[in-house]
Amino acid sequence: MSKRLYRVINPVVKKILRSPLHGFLSQNTLLLEFTGRKSGRKLSTPVSYHSSDGIAHCFTRKSFVWWKNLNSGEPVYATIKGTRHLVRPEVEAENSDIKGEALRHFLRAVPRDAPHSGVSLDTNGDPNVDDIQRVVSDMVYVRLPLPNSLHSSPSW
């Protein structure tokens, strides 16, 4: 999706994620709230996620620079399934081996994101390995350790 389209869609998605109607989006979309590293302003962005082993796994493209605000190691707020939690993000922007394996698992769990990631899926829902290798250097992997109350079933 283009940045222009996200500028139109994101305000609507943010309102829904903060509302009692969050249920139809909350299963794999969360709302991150953080402070801008340069502006000091409060910012927020909806992000697709998959939860496993007590971690919310998220991806974005490097060109969507909001992720740089998470690099300080400072805690941020994540609204997940209608509840706001303080979490400490872990950002991986460089290691393609780590990102590639995580992206493969993520796209199996959240296949709707495959086209946005530039990755095709086979008839079994498995991401194309060549596509992952092609796009992984442009991806950023964000891990959000979740409070115990949000832990899902183990493993991908």
N, C-alpha and C. Protein backbone atom coordinates (compact mmCIF):
# COMPACT_ATOMS: atom_id res chain seq x y z
N MET A 1 0.84 -1.18 0.00
CA MET A 1 0.00 0.00 0.00
C MET A 1 0.88 1.24 0.00
N SER A 2 0.42 2.27 -0.63
CA SER A 2 1.19 3.50 -0.71
C SER A 2 1.06 4.30 0.58
N LYS A 3 2.04 5.17 0.82
CA LYS A 3 1.99 6.04 2.00
C LYS A 3 0.75 6.93 1.97
N ARG A 4 0.36 7.34 0.80
CA ARG A 4 -0.83 8.21 0.65
C ARG A 4 -2.09 7.48 1.12
N LEU A 5 -2.22 6.22 0.73
CA LEU A 5 -3.39 5.44 1.13
C LEU A 5 -3.39 5.21 2.64
N TYR A 6 -2.21 4.94 3.21
CA TYR A 6 -2.13 4.76 4.67
C TYR A 6 -2.57 6.04 5.40
N ARG A 7 -2.23 7.20 4.85
CA ARG A 7 -2.64 8.47 5.48
C ARG A 7 -4.15 8.62 5.54
N VAL A 8 -4.85 7.99 4.60
CA VAL A 8 -6.31 8.04 4.58
C VAL A 8 -6.89 6.96 5.50
N ILE A 9 -6.35 5.76 5.43
CA ILE A 9 -6.90 4.62 6.16
C ILE A 9 -6.54 4.65 7.65
N ASN A 10 -5.30 5.00 7.98
CA ASN A 10 -4.84 4.88 9.37
C ASN A 10 -5.68 5.64 10.39
N PRO A 11 -6.13 6.87 10.13
CA PRO A 11 -6.96 7.54 11.14
C PRO A 11 -8.25 6.76 11.47
N VAL A 12 -8.84 6.15 10.46
CA VAL A 12 -10.06 5.35 10.68
C VAL A 12 -9.73 4.11 11.50
N VAL A 13 -8.65 3.43 11.14
CA VAL A 13 -8.25 2.21 11.86
C VAL A 13 -7.90 2.55 13.31
N LYS A 14 -7.21 3.66 13.55
CA LYS A 14 -6.88 4.07 14.93
C LYS A 14 -8.14 4.27 15.76
N LYS A 15 -9.14 4.94 15.19
CA LYS A 15 -10.39 5.18 15.92
C LYS A 15 -11.08 3.86 16.26
N ILE A 16 -11.09 2.94 15.30
CA ILE A 16 -11.72 1.64 15.55
C ILE A 16 -10.97 0.87 16.64
N LEU A 17 -9.64 0.87 16.58
CA LEU A 17 -8.85 0.12 17.56
C LEU A 17 -9.01 0.68 18.97
N ARG A 18 -9.35 1.96 19.09
CA ARG A 18 -9.55 2.59 20.40
C ARG A 18 -11.00 2.50 20.87
N SER A 19 -11.87 1.95 20.05
CA SER A 19 -13.30 1.94 20.33
C SER A 19 -13.76 0.55 20.78
N PRO A 20 -15.01 0.46 21.26
CA PRO A 20 -15.57 -0.86 21.59
C PRO A 20 -15.73 -1.76 20.37
N LEU A 21 -15.62 -1.21 19.17
CA LEU A 21 -15.75 -1.99 17.93
C LEU A 21 -14.43 -2.62 17.48
N HIS A 22 -13.40 -2.53 18.33
CA HIS A 22 -12.06 -2.99 17.95
C HIS A 22 -12.01 -4.47 17.58
N GLY A 23 -12.97 -5.27 18.03
CA GLY A 23 -12.92 -6.72 17.89
C GLY A 23 -12.65 -7.24 16.50
N PHE A 24 -13.22 -6.60 15.48
CA PHE A 24 -13.03 -7.16 14.14
C PHE A 24 -11.66 -6.84 13.55
N LEU A 25 -10.88 -5.95 14.19
CA LEU A 25 -9.52 -5.66 13.75
C LEU A 25 -8.46 -6.17 14.72
N SER A 26 -8.81 -6.31 15.99
CA SER A 26 -7.84 -6.56 17.05
C SER A 26 -7.14 -7.91 16.99
N GLN A 27 -7.68 -8.86 16.28
CA GLN A 27 -7.05 -10.18 16.26
C GLN A 27 -5.64 -10.13 15.68
N ASN A 28 -5.39 -9.22 14.74
CA ASN A 28 -4.05 -9.12 14.18
C ASN A 28 -3.65 -7.70 13.80
N THR A 29 -4.28 -6.71 14.43
CA THR A 29 -3.85 -5.31 14.27
C THR A 29 -3.82 -4.67 15.65
N LEU A 30 -2.70 -4.06 15.97
CA LEU A 30 -2.56 -3.36 17.24
C LEU A 30 -2.26 -1.90 16.97
N LEU A 31 -2.35 -1.08 18.00
CA LEU A 31 -2.05 0.34 17.88
C LEU A 31 -0.84 0.65 18.74
N LEU A 32 0.23 1.13 18.10
CA LEU A 32 1.44 1.55 18.83
C LEU A 32 1.37 3.05 19.06
N GLU A 33 1.70 3.48 20.28
CA GLU A 33 1.75 4.90 20.63
C GLU A 33 3.14 5.18 21.19
N PHE A 34 3.79 6.21 20.66
CA PHE A 34 5.17 6.51 21.03
C PHE A 34 5.42 8.00 20.86
N THR A 35 6.58 8.44 21.32
CA THR A 35 6.97 9.84 21.21
C THR A 35 7.94 9.98 20.04
N GLY A 36 7.70 10.99 19.20
CA GLY A 36 8.58 11.23 18.06
C GLY A 36 9.98 11.61 18.54
N ARG A 37 10.99 10.97 17.98
CA ARG A 37 12.36 11.18 18.43
C ARG A 37 12.86 12.58 18.10
N LYS A 38 12.37 13.19 17.04
CA LYS A 38 12.79 14.54 16.66
C LYS A 38 11.79 15.59 17.11
N SER A 39 10.52 15.31 16.90
CA SER A 39 9.48 16.31 17.18
C SER A 39 9.06 16.34 18.64
N GLY A 40 9.22 15.21 19.34
CA GLY A 40 8.75 15.14 20.71
C GLY A 40 7.23 15.00 20.82
N ARG A 41 6.56 14.92 19.67
CA ARG A 41 5.09 14.79 19.66
C ARG A 41 4.67 13.36 19.93
N LYS A 42 3.47 13.21 20.46
CA LYS A 42 2.87 11.90 20.65
C LYS A 42 2.38 11.41 19.29
N LEU A 43 2.80 10.24 18.90
CA LEU A 43 2.45 9.66 17.60
C LEU A 43 1.84 8.27 17.81
N SER A 44 1.12 7.80 16.82
CA SER A 44 0.57 6.45 16.87
C SER A 44 0.43 5.90 15.47
N THR A 45 0.48 4.58 15.38
CA THR A 45 0.30 3.91 14.10
C THR A 45 -0.28 2.52 14.32
N PRO A 46 -1.25 2.13 13.49
CA PRO A 46 -1.73 0.74 13.54
C PRO A 46 -0.70 -0.16 12.86
N VAL A 47 -0.54 -1.36 13.40
CA VAL A 47 0.45 -2.30 12.89
C VAL A 47 -0.13 -3.71 12.93
N SER A 48 0.05 -4.46 11.85
CA SER A 48 -0.32 -5.87 11.86
C SER A 48 0.61 -6.61 12.80
N TYR A 49 0.07 -7.62 13.48
CA TYR A 49 0.91 -8.40 14.38
C TYR A 49 0.43 -9.85 14.42
N HIS A 50 1.32 -10.68 14.89
CA HIS A 50 0.99 -12.05 15.24
C HIS A 50 1.61 -12.32 16.60
N SER A 51 0.84 -12.87 17.49
CA SER A 51 1.31 -13.13 18.85
C SER A 51 1.64 -14.60 19.02
N SER A 52 2.85 -14.87 19.54
CA SER A 52 3.22 -16.23 19.90
C SER A 52 4.32 -16.15 20.95
N ASP A 53 4.32 -17.12 21.84
CA ASP A 53 5.34 -17.21 22.89
C ASP A 53 5.50 -15.91 23.67
N GLY A 54 4.40 -15.20 23.89
CA GLY A 54 4.46 -13.98 24.68
C GLY A 54 5.04 -12.78 23.96
N ILE A 55 5.13 -12.86 22.64
CA ILE A 55 5.69 -11.77 21.83
C ILE A 55 4.70 -11.41 20.73
N ALA A 56 4.49 -10.11 20.52
CA ALA A 56 3.77 -9.64 19.34
C ALA A 56 4.82 -9.37 18.27
N HIS A 57 4.74 -10.08 17.17
CA HIS A 57 5.70 -9.96 16.07
C HIS A 57 5.09 -9.04 15.02
N CYS A 58 5.84 -8.03 14.60
CA CYS A 58 5.35 -7.03 13.64
C CYS A 58 6.41 -6.77 12.58
N PHE A 59 5.96 -6.35 11.41
CA PHE A 59 6.88 -5.97 10.34
C PHE A 59 6.42 -4.68 9.70
N THR A 60 7.38 -3.93 9.20
CA THR A 60 7.12 -2.75 8.39
C THR A 60 8.26 -2.59 7.41
N ARG A 61 8.05 -1.78 6.42
CA ARG A 61 9.13 -1.47 5.48
C ARG A 61 10.00 -0.36 6.08
N LYS A 62 11.29 -0.39 5.75
CA LYS A 62 12.20 0.65 6.25
C LYS A 62 11.75 2.04 5.82
N SER A 63 11.11 2.14 4.67
CA SER A 63 10.68 3.45 4.16
C SER A 63 9.57 4.08 5.00
N PHE A 64 8.85 3.27 5.79
CA PHE A 64 7.86 3.80 6.73
C PHE A 64 8.61 4.06 8.03
N VAL A 65 9.17 5.24 8.19
CA VAL A 65 10.19 5.51 9.20
C VAL A 65 9.68 5.60 10.64
N TRP A 66 8.40 5.35 10.90
CA TRP A 66 7.90 5.40 12.27
C TRP A 66 8.68 4.49 13.21
N TRP A 67 9.17 3.38 12.71
CA TRP A 67 9.89 2.40 13.52
C TRP A 67 11.15 2.97 14.16
N LYS A 68 11.73 4.00 13.55
CA LYS A 68 12.95 4.61 14.10
C LYS A 68 12.69 5.22 15.47
N ASN A 69 11.44 5.58 15.74
CA ASN A 69 11.08 6.11 17.06
C ASN A 69 11.13 5.04 18.15
N LEU A 70 11.23 3.79 17.77
CA LEU A 70 11.26 2.69 18.74
C LEU A 70 12.67 2.26 19.09
N ASN A 71 13.66 2.80 18.40
CA ASN A 71 15.05 2.36 18.56
C ASN A 71 15.69 2.76 19.88
N SER A 72 15.10 3.68 20.61
CA SER A 72 15.74 4.17 21.84
C SER A 72 15.69 3.16 22.97
N GLY A 73 14.83 2.17 22.84
CA GLY A 73 14.66 1.20 23.92
C GLY A 73 13.67 1.66 24.97
N GLU A 74 13.13 2.86 24.80
CA GLU A 74 12.13 3.37 25.73
C GLU A 74 10.83 2.60 25.57
N PRO A 75 10.09 2.42 26.65
CA PRO A 75 8.79 1.75 26.53
C PRO A 75 7.80 2.58 25.71
N VAL A 76 6.89 1.90 25.08
CA VAL A 76 5.82 2.53 24.29
C VAL A 76 4.51 1.87 24.70
N TYR A 77 3.42 2.45 24.28
CA TYR A 77 2.12 1.84 24.54
C TYR A 77 1.66 1.07 23.33
N ALA A 78 1.09 -0.09 23.59
CA ALA A 78 0.47 -0.91 22.54
C ALA A 78 -0.95 -1.22 22.99
N THR A 79 -1.92 -0.82 22.16
CA THR A 79 -3.30 -1.18 22.42
C THR A 79 -3.58 -2.47 21.67
N ILE A 80 -3.79 -3.53 22.45
CA ILE A 80 -3.97 -4.86 21.89
C ILE A 80 -5.30 -5.41 22.40
N LYS A 81 -6.16 -5.75 21.47
CA LYS A 81 -7.48 -6.30 21.82
C LYS A 81 -8.22 -5.40 22.80
N GLY A 82 -8.12 -4.09 22.55
CA GLY A 82 -8.89 -3.12 23.32
C GLY A 82 -8.26 -2.66 24.62
N THR A 83 -7.10 -3.19 24.99
CA THR A 83 -6.46 -2.80 26.24
C THR A 83 -5.08 -2.22 25.95
N ARG A 84 -4.78 -1.12 26.64
CA ARG A 84 -3.51 -0.42 26.44
C ARG A 84 -2.47 -0.95 27.43
N HIS A 85 -1.29 -1.32 26.89
CA HIS A 85 -0.21 -1.90 27.69
C HIS A 85 1.09 -1.18 27.42
N LEU A 86 1.91 -1.04 28.46
CA LEU A 86 3.25 -0.51 28.30
C LEU A 86 4.16 -1.68 27.90
N VAL A 87 4.87 -1.54 26.78
CA VAL A 87 5.75 -2.60 26.28
C VAL A 87 7.09 -1.98 25.88
N ARG A 88 8.12 -2.80 25.84
CA ARG A 88 9.44 -2.33 25.45
C ARG A 88 9.81 -3.00 24.11
N PRO A 89 9.75 -2.25 23.01
CA PRO A 89 10.00 -2.84 21.69
C PRO A 89 11.46 -3.23 21.47
N GLU A 90 11.63 -4.27 20.67
CA GLU A 90 12.95 -4.71 20.22
C GLU A 90 12.92 -4.62 18.70
N VAL A 91 13.82 -3.85 18.13
CA VAL A 91 13.81 -3.58 16.69
C VAL A 91 15.00 -4.24 16.02
N GLU A 92 14.72 -4.99 14.94
CA GLU A 92 15.78 -5.59 14.12
C GLU A 92 15.63 -5.07 12.70
N ALA A 93 16.54 -4.20 12.30
CA ALA A 93 16.47 -3.61 10.96
C ALA A 93 17.54 -4.15 10.02
N GLU A 94 18.56 -4.84 10.55
CA GLU A 94 19.70 -5.20 9.70
C GLU A 94 19.89 -6.69 9.46
N ASN A 95 19.73 -7.54 10.45
CA ASN A 95 20.07 -8.95 10.32
C ASN A 95 19.03 -9.68 9.46
N SER A 96 19.38 -9.91 8.20
CA SER A 96 18.45 -10.53 7.25
C SER A 96 18.12 -11.97 7.59
N ASP A 97 19.02 -12.69 8.25
CA ASP A 97 18.72 -14.07 8.64
C ASP A 97 17.59 -14.10 9.67
N ILE A 98 17.72 -13.27 10.69
CA ILE A 98 16.68 -13.20 11.73
C ILE A 98 15.37 -12.71 11.12
N LYS A 99 15.44 -11.64 10.33
CA LYS A 99 14.23 -11.07 9.73
C LYS A 99 13.57 -12.04 8.77
N GLY A 100 14.36 -12.74 7.97
CA GLY A 100 13.80 -13.66 6.97
C GLY A 100 13.02 -14.80 7.61
N GLU A 101 13.59 -15.41 8.64
CA GLU A 101 12.90 -16.51 9.32
C GLU A 101 11.64 -16.00 10.01
N ALA A 102 11.73 -14.85 10.67
CA ALA A 102 10.57 -14.29 11.36
C ALA A 102 9.48 -13.89 10.36
N LEU A 103 9.88 -13.33 9.21
CA LEU A 103 8.91 -12.93 8.20
C LEU A 103 8.17 -14.14 7.64
N ARG A 104 8.88 -15.23 7.43
CA ARG A 104 8.25 -16.46 6.94
C ARG A 104 7.16 -16.91 7.91
N HIS A 105 7.47 -16.96 9.20
CA HIS A 105 6.48 -17.36 10.21
C HIS A 105 5.33 -16.36 10.27
N PHE A 106 5.67 -15.08 10.23
CA PHE A 106 4.65 -14.03 10.32
C PHE A 106 3.65 -14.14 9.17
N LEU A 107 4.14 -14.31 7.95
CA LEU A 107 3.24 -14.36 6.79
C LEU A 107 2.40 -15.63 6.75
N ARG A 108 2.89 -16.70 7.34
CA ARG A 108 2.03 -17.90 7.48
C ARG A 108 0.88 -17.60 8.43
N ALA A 109 1.16 -16.81 9.48
CA ALA A 109 0.13 -16.49 10.48
C ALA A 109 -0.79 -15.36 10.03
N VAL A 110 -0.25 -14.42 9.26
CA VAL A 110 -1.02 -13.25 8.80
C VAL A 110 -0.87 -13.15 7.27
N PRO A 111 -1.47 -14.09 6.54
CA PRO A 111 -1.27 -14.13 5.08
C PRO A 111 -1.79 -12.90 4.35
N ARG A 112 -2.73 -12.16 4.95
CA ARG A 112 -3.23 -10.95 4.28
C ARG A 112 -2.12 -9.92 4.06
N ASP A 113 -1.02 -10.01 4.83
CA ASP A 113 0.09 -9.06 4.70
C ASP A 113 1.08 -9.45 3.61
N ALA A 114 0.97 -10.65 3.07
CA ALA A 114 1.93 -11.10 2.05
C ALA A 114 1.99 -10.16 0.85
N PRO A 115 0.86 -9.76 0.25
CA PRO A 115 0.94 -8.85 -0.90
C PRO A 115 1.57 -7.50 -0.54
N HIS A 116 1.30 -7.00 0.67
CA HIS A 116 1.88 -5.72 1.09
C HIS A 116 3.38 -5.84 1.33
N SER A 117 3.83 -7.07 1.61
CA SER A 117 5.25 -7.31 1.83
C SER A 117 5.98 -7.64 0.53
N GLY A 118 5.23 -7.86 -0.54
CA GLY A 118 5.86 -8.23 -1.81
C GLY A 118 6.21 -9.71 -1.87
N VAL A 119 5.50 -10.52 -1.09
CA VAL A 119 5.79 -11.95 -1.02
C VAL A 119 4.56 -12.72 -1.49
N SER A 120 4.77 -13.69 -2.36
CA SER A 120 3.66 -14.54 -2.79
C SER A 120 3.59 -15.76 -1.89
N LEU A 121 2.40 -16.35 -1.85
CA LEU A 121 2.17 -17.57 -1.07
C LEU A 121 1.82 -18.71 -2.01
N ASP A 122 2.27 -19.91 -1.69
CA ASP A 122 1.88 -21.05 -2.53
C ASP A 122 0.50 -21.54 -2.11
N THR A 123 0.03 -22.60 -2.73
CA THR A 123 -1.33 -23.08 -2.47
C THR A 123 -1.52 -23.59 -1.04
N ASN A 124 -0.42 -23.91 -0.35
CA ASN A 124 -0.48 -24.34 1.05
C ASN A 124 -0.37 -23.17 2.02
N GLY A 125 -0.20 -21.94 1.49
CA GLY A 125 -0.06 -20.78 2.34
C GLY A 125 1.37 -20.51 2.79
N ASP A 126 2.32 -21.23 2.19
CA ASP A 126 3.72 -21.01 2.54
C ASP A 126 4.29 -19.86 1.72
N PRO A 127 5.00 -18.93 2.38
CA PRO A 127 5.61 -17.81 1.66
C PRO A 127 6.73 -18.29 0.73
N ASN A 128 6.84 -17.65 -0.41
CA ASN A 128 7.87 -17.96 -1.39
C ASN A 128 9.23 -17.52 -0.84
N VAL A 129 10.16 -18.47 -0.72
CA VAL A 129 11.48 -18.21 -0.14
C VAL A 129 12.25 -17.18 -0.95
N ASP A 130 12.18 -17.26 -2.27
CA ASP A 130 12.88 -16.29 -3.12
C ASP A 130 12.34 -14.88 -2.91
N ASP A 131 11.01 -14.78 -2.77
CA ASP A 131 10.41 -13.46 -2.52
C ASP A 131 10.89 -12.89 -1.18
N ILE A 132 10.94 -13.74 -0.16
CA ILE A 132 11.40 -13.27 1.15
C ILE A 132 12.84 -12.78 1.04
N GLN A 133 13.70 -13.53 0.39
CA GLN A 133 15.10 -13.11 0.23
C GLN A 133 15.20 -11.78 -0.52
N ARG A 134 14.30 -11.57 -1.47
CA ARG A 134 14.31 -10.34 -2.25
C ARG A 134 13.89 -9.12 -1.43
N VAL A 135 12.92 -9.28 -0.53
CA VAL A 135 12.36 -8.12 0.19
C VAL A 135 12.93 -7.91 1.59
N VAL A 136 13.56 -8.93 2.16
CA VAL A 136 13.90 -8.88 3.58
C VAL A 136 14.84 -7.73 3.95
N SER A 137 15.72 -7.32 3.06
CA SER A 137 16.63 -6.22 3.41
C SER A 137 15.88 -4.90 3.58
N ASP A 138 14.69 -4.79 3.00
CA ASP A 138 13.89 -3.57 3.11
C ASP A 138 12.88 -3.64 4.26
N MET A 139 12.91 -4.72 5.03
CA MET A 139 11.93 -4.90 6.10
C MET A 139 12.55 -4.63 7.47
N VAL A 140 11.69 -4.25 8.41
CA VAL A 140 12.08 -4.06 9.81
C VAL A 140 11.19 -4.96 10.64
N TYR A 141 11.82 -5.70 11.52
CA TYR A 141 11.13 -6.65 12.40
C TYR A 141 11.05 -6.01 13.79
N VAL A 142 9.83 -5.87 14.30
CA VAL A 142 9.61 -5.31 15.63
C VAL A 142 8.98 -6.37 16.51
N ARG A 143 9.63 -6.64 17.63
CA ARG A 143 9.13 -7.60 18.62
C ARG A 143 8.65 -6.81 19.82
N LEU A 144 7.46 -7.14 20.29
CA LEU A 144 6.89 -6.49 21.47
C LEU A 144 6.60 -7.55 22.53
N PRO A 145 7.49 -7.70 23.53
CA PRO A 145 7.19 -8.63 24.62
C PRO A 145 5.89 -8.21 25.32
N LEU A 146 4.97 -9.14 25.45
CA LEU A 146 3.64 -8.83 25.96
C LEU A 146 3.51 -9.11 27.45
N PRO A 147 2.61 -8.38 28.11
CA PRO A 147 2.31 -8.70 29.50
C PRO A 147 1.79 -10.14 29.58
N ASN A 148 2.00 -10.79 30.70
CA ASN A 148 1.58 -12.20 30.87
C ASN A 148 0.14 -12.45 30.50
N SER A 149 -0.74 -11.49 30.74
CA SER A 149 -2.16 -11.69 30.47
C SER A 149 -2.46 -11.83 28.97
N LEU A 150 -1.52 -11.45 28.11
CA LEU A 150 -1.75 -11.51 26.68
C LEU A 150 -1.04 -12.68 26.00
N HIS A 151 -0.34 -13.50 26.75
CA HIS A 151 0.41 -14.59 26.14
C HIS A 151 -0.55 -15.56 25.45
N SER A 152 -0.19 -15.93 24.24
CA SER A 152 -1.01 -16.88 23.49
C SER A 152 -0.35 -18.25 23.55
N SER A 153 -0.91 -19.16 22.81
CA SER A 153 -0.36 -20.50 22.79
C SER A 153 1.07 -20.48 22.25
N PRO A 154 1.89 -21.42 22.69
CA PRO A 154 3.30 -21.42 22.30
C PRO A 154 3.53 -21.61 20.81
N SER A 155 4.60 -21.03 20.37
CA SER A 155 5.23 -21.25 19.06
C SER A 155 4.35 -20.87 17.87
N TRP A 156 5.04 -20.76 16.77
CA TRP A 156 4.38 -20.50 15.50
C TRP A 156 3.99 -21.81 14.95
